[in-house]
C-alpha atoms as a PDB file:
ATOM      1  CA  MET A   1      57.455  42.921  73.113  1.00  0.00           C
ATOM      2  CA  ARG A   2      56.340  40.808  75.970  1.00  0.00           C
ATOM      3  CA  TYR A   3      54.452  43.779  77.563  1.00  0.00           C
ATOM      4  CA  SER A   4      52.692  44.463  74.268  1.00  0.00           C
ATOM      5  CA  LYS A   5      51.395  40.901  74.229  1.00  0.00           C
ATOM      6  CA  GLN A   6      50.071  41.098  77.716  1.00  0.00           C
ATOM      7  CA  VAL A   7      48.223  44.445  77.029  1.00  0.00           C
ATOM      8  CA  LEU A   8      46.632  42.968  74.103  1.00  0.00           C
ATOM      9  CA  ALA A   9      45.568  39.633  75.700  1.00  0.00           C
ATOM     10  CA  LEU A  10      44.279  41.663  78.723  1.00  0.00           C
ATOM     11  CA  SER A  11      42.244  44.092  76.205  1.00  0.00           C
ATOM     12  CA  LEU A  12      40.861  40.943  74.319  1.00  0.00           C
ATOM     13  CA  LEU A  13      39.849  39.399  77.606  1.00  0.00           C
ATOM     14  CA  LEU A  14      38.007  42.564  78.949  1.00  0.00           C
ATOM     15  CA  THR A  15      36.222  43.344  75.517  1.00  0.00           C
ATOM     16  CA  ALA A  16      35.020  39.549  75.587  1.00  0.00           C
ATOM     17  CA  THR A  17      33.683  39.847  79.264  1.00  0.00           C
ATOM     18  CA  PHE A  18      31.919  43.016  78.344  1.00  0.00           C
ATOM     19  CA  PHE A  19      30.198  41.572  75.422  1.00  0.00           C
ATOM     20  CA  LEU A  20      29.301  38.402  76.954  1.00  0.00           C
ATOM     21  CA  THR A  21      27.954  39.891  80.098  1.00  0.00           C
ATOM     22  CA  ALA A  22      25.812  42.603  78.261  1.00  0.00           C
ATOM     23  CA  CYS A  23      23.798  40.177  76.273  1.00  0.00           C
ATOM     24  CA  PRO A  24      20.924  38.469  78.105  1.00  0.00           C
ATOM     25  CA  GLN A  25      20.446  34.754  77.713  1.00  0.00           C
ATOM     26  CA  ARG A  26      17.941  33.732  75.005  1.00  0.00           C
ATOM     27  CA  GLU A  27      15.190  31.628  76.473  1.00  0.00           C
ATOM     28  CA  THR A  28      12.292  29.663  75.218  1.00  0.00           C
ATOM     29  CA  ILE A  29       8.802  30.867  75.722  1.00  0.00           C
ATOM     30  CA  GLY A  30       7.730  27.613  77.249  1.00  0.00           C
ATOM     31  CA  ARG A  31      10.465  27.777  79.946  1.00  0.00           C
ATOM     32  CA  ILE A  32       9.222  31.248  80.919  1.00  0.00           C
ATOM     33  CA  ASN A  33       5.741  30.280  81.038  1.00  0.00           C
ATOM     34  CA  ALA A  34       6.468  27.112  83.086  1.00  0.00           C
ATOM     35  CA  ASP A  35       8.223  29.225  85.938  1.00  0.00           C
ATOM     36  CA  PRO A  36       7.702  32.952  85.361  1.00  0.00           C
ATOM     37  CA  ALA A  37       8.792  33.722  88.885  1.00  0.00           C
ATOM     38  CA  ARG A  38      12.307  32.603  88.030  1.00  0.00           C
ATOM     39  CA  TYR A  39      12.572  35.334  85.222  1.00  0.00           C
ATOM     40  CA  TYR A  40      10.556  38.002  87.058  1.00  0.00           C
ATOM     41  CA  HIS A  41      12.222  41.547  86.558  1.00  0.00           C
ATOM     42  CA  LYS A  42      15.265  39.525  84.746  1.00  0.00           C
ATOM     43  CA  GLU A  43      16.212  40.514  81.316  1.00  0.00           C
ATOM     44  CA  VAL A  44      15.665  37.752  78.790  1.00  0.00           C
ATOM     45  CA  ALA A  45      15.674  37.495  75.121  1.00  0.00           C
ATOM     46  CA  VAL A  46      13.089  35.543  72.953  1.00  0.00           C
ATOM     47  CA  ALA A  47      12.469  34.951  69.385  1.00  0.00           C
ATOM     48  CA  GLY A  48       9.492  33.882  67.304  1.00  0.00           C
ATOM     49  CA  THR A  49       6.959  34.708  64.879  1.00  0.00           C
ATOM     50  CA  VAL A  50       4.397  37.514  65.583  1.00  0.00           C
ATOM     51  CA  THR A  51       0.836  35.956  65.697  1.00  0.00           C
ATOM     52  CA  ASP A  52      -1.094  39.043  66.551  1.00  0.00           C
ATOM     53  CA  SER A  53      -0.143  42.809  67.002  1.00  0.00           C
ATOM     54  CA  TYR A  54      -2.118  45.866  68.130  1.00  0.00           C
ATOM     55  CA  GLY A  55      -0.684  49.329  68.272  1.00  0.00           C
ATOM     56  CA  PHE A  56      -1.902  52.644  68.833  1.00  0.00           C
ATOM     57  CA  LEU A  57       0.087  55.958  68.642  1.00  0.00           C
ATOM     58  CA  GLY A  58       3.420  54.292  68.701  1.00  0.00           C
ATOM     59  CA  MET A  59       2.605  52.101  71.549  1.00  0.00           C
ATOM     60  CA  GLY A  60       1.131  48.433  71.630  1.00  0.00           C
ATOM     61  CA  ILE A  61       1.276  45.072  72.208  1.00  0.00           C
ATOM     62  CA  TYR A  62       2.106  41.948  70.277  1.00  0.00           C
ATOM     63  CA  GLU A  63       2.110  38.057  70.695  1.00  0.00           C
ATOM     64  CA  ILE A  64       5.226  35.957  69.880  1.00  0.00           C
ATOM     65  CA  ASP A  65       5.182  32.214  69.440  1.00  0.00           C
ATOM     66  CA  ASP A  66       8.523  30.356  69.159  1.00  0.00           C
ATOM     67  CA  GLY A  67       7.008  27.024  68.808  1.00  0.00           C
ATOM     68  CA  THR A  68       7.080  26.207  72.569  1.00  0.00           C
ATOM     69  CA  GLY A  69       4.470  28.599  73.646  1.00  0.00           C
ATOM     70  CA  HIS A  70       2.977  32.127  73.293  1.00  0.00           C
ATOM     71  CA  LEU A  71       3.959  35.351  74.971  1.00  0.00           C
ATOM     72  CA  ILE A  72       2.703  39.012  75.058  1.00  0.00           C
ATOM     73  CA  VAL A  73       5.233  41.666  74.391  1.00  0.00           C
ATOM     74  CA  VAL A  74       4.396  45.378  75.488  1.00  0.00           C
ATOM     75  CA  THR A  75       6.197  48.018  73.509  1.00  0.00           C
ATOM     76  CA  HIS A  76       6.613  51.602  73.591  1.00  0.00           C
ATOM     77  CA  ARG A  77       7.433  51.933  69.908  1.00  0.00           C
ATOM     78  CA  GLY A  78       5.633  50.638  66.940  1.00  0.00           C
ATOM     79  CA  VAL A  79       4.528  47.008  66.695  1.00  0.00           C
ATOM     80  CA  PRO A  80       5.627  44.421  64.103  1.00  0.00           C
ATOM     81  CA  SER A  81       3.283  43.175  61.631  1.00  0.00           C
ATOM     82  CA  ARG A  82       1.579  39.696  62.007  1.00  0.00           C
ATOM     83  CA  GLY A  83       3.901  36.916  60.518  1.00  0.00           C
ATOM     84  CA  ALA A  84       7.070  38.949  61.157  1.00  0.00           C
ATOM     85  CA  ARG A  85      10.063  37.036  62.563  1.00  0.00           C
ATOM     86  CA  VAL A  86      11.438  38.949  65.418  1.00  0.00           C
ATOM     87  CA  ALA A  87      13.967  38.697  68.492  1.00  0.00           C
ATOM     88  CA  ALA A  88      12.822  40.764  71.494  1.00  0.00           C
ATOM     89  CA  LYS A  89      14.755  41.516  74.640  1.00  0.00           C
ATOM     90  CA  GLY A  90      13.206  42.916  77.835  1.00  0.00           C
ATOM     91  CA  HIS A  91      12.214  42.382  81.418  1.00  0.00           C
ATOM     92  CA  ILE A  92       9.702  39.594  82.247  1.00  0.00           C
ATOM     93  CA  GLN A  93       6.488  40.880  84.332  1.00  0.00           C
ATOM     94  CA  THR A  94       4.008  38.505  85.873  1.00  0.00           C
ATOM     95  CA  GLY A  95       0.404  38.498  86.597  1.00  0.00           C
ATOM     96  CA  PHE A  96      -1.267  35.719  88.495  1.00  0.00           C
ATOM     97  CA  SER A  97      -1.679  31.884  88.511  1.00  0.00           C
ATOM     98  CA  PHE A  98      -4.793  30.042  88.802  1.00  0.00           C
ATOM     99  CA  GLY A  99      -5.634  26.331  88.278  1.00  0.00           C
ATOM    100  CA  GLY A 100      -2.086  25.511  87.421  1.00  0.00           C
ATOM    101  CA  ARG A 101      -1.971  28.052  84.632  1.00  0.00           C
ATOM    102  CA  ASN A 102       0.009  31.488  84.667  1.00  0.00           C
ATOM    103  CA  PHE A 103      -1.958  34.530  83.278  1.00  0.00           C
ATOM    104  CA  GLY A 104      -0.519  37.939  82.596  1.00  0.00           C
ATOM    105  CA  THR A 105       3.027  36.958  82.119  1.00  0.00           C
ATOM    106  CA  VAL A 106       4.402  39.542  79.662  1.00  0.00           C
ATOM    107  CA  LEU A 107       7.711  40.816  78.236  1.00  0.00           C
ATOM    108  CA  GLU A 108       8.277  44.372  78.642  1.00  0.00           C
ATOM    109  CA  GLU A 109      10.547  45.254  75.567  1.00  0.00           C
ATOM    110  CA  THR A 110      13.412  47.302  75.727  1.00  0.00           C
ATOM    111  CA  ASP A 111      15.004  46.190  72.225  1.00  0.00           C
ATOM    112  CA  ARG A 112      13.944  44.338  69.250  1.00  0.00           C
ATOM    113  CA  ARG A 113      15.370  43.310  65.810  1.00  0.00           C
ATOM    114  CA  ALA A 114      14.020  41.425  62.826  1.00  0.00           C
ATOM    115  CA  GLU A 115      15.361  37.894  62.150  1.00  0.00           C
ATOM    116  CA  GLY A 116      15.798  36.259  58.934  1.00  0.00           C
ATOM    117  CA  ARG A 117      13.862  33.216  58.040  1.00  0.00           C
END
């Protein structure tokens, strides 16, 4: 009986560890834009409303706004429509800084899901 409780406890611990380490941390777009080098090539998740989207042949870009800022998301699948509420996960890629502003910071999408309002 004692052995089975230990196996169950260990199984639960390993499962929880797997799920917690597999999920990227959700960040605000304002934080990412304030210090994009901190997130460069790291996987992050953001959520917000699509303000613009452009797609062609199943690829495209869309802009997402979470209330703290805007971020361009590059996708290799269809783009969500304007006004859609989405959560996107991917890797941050940076461009350049000029005059204290960052230009070219984008999220290269690896996964996306629709969010309820």
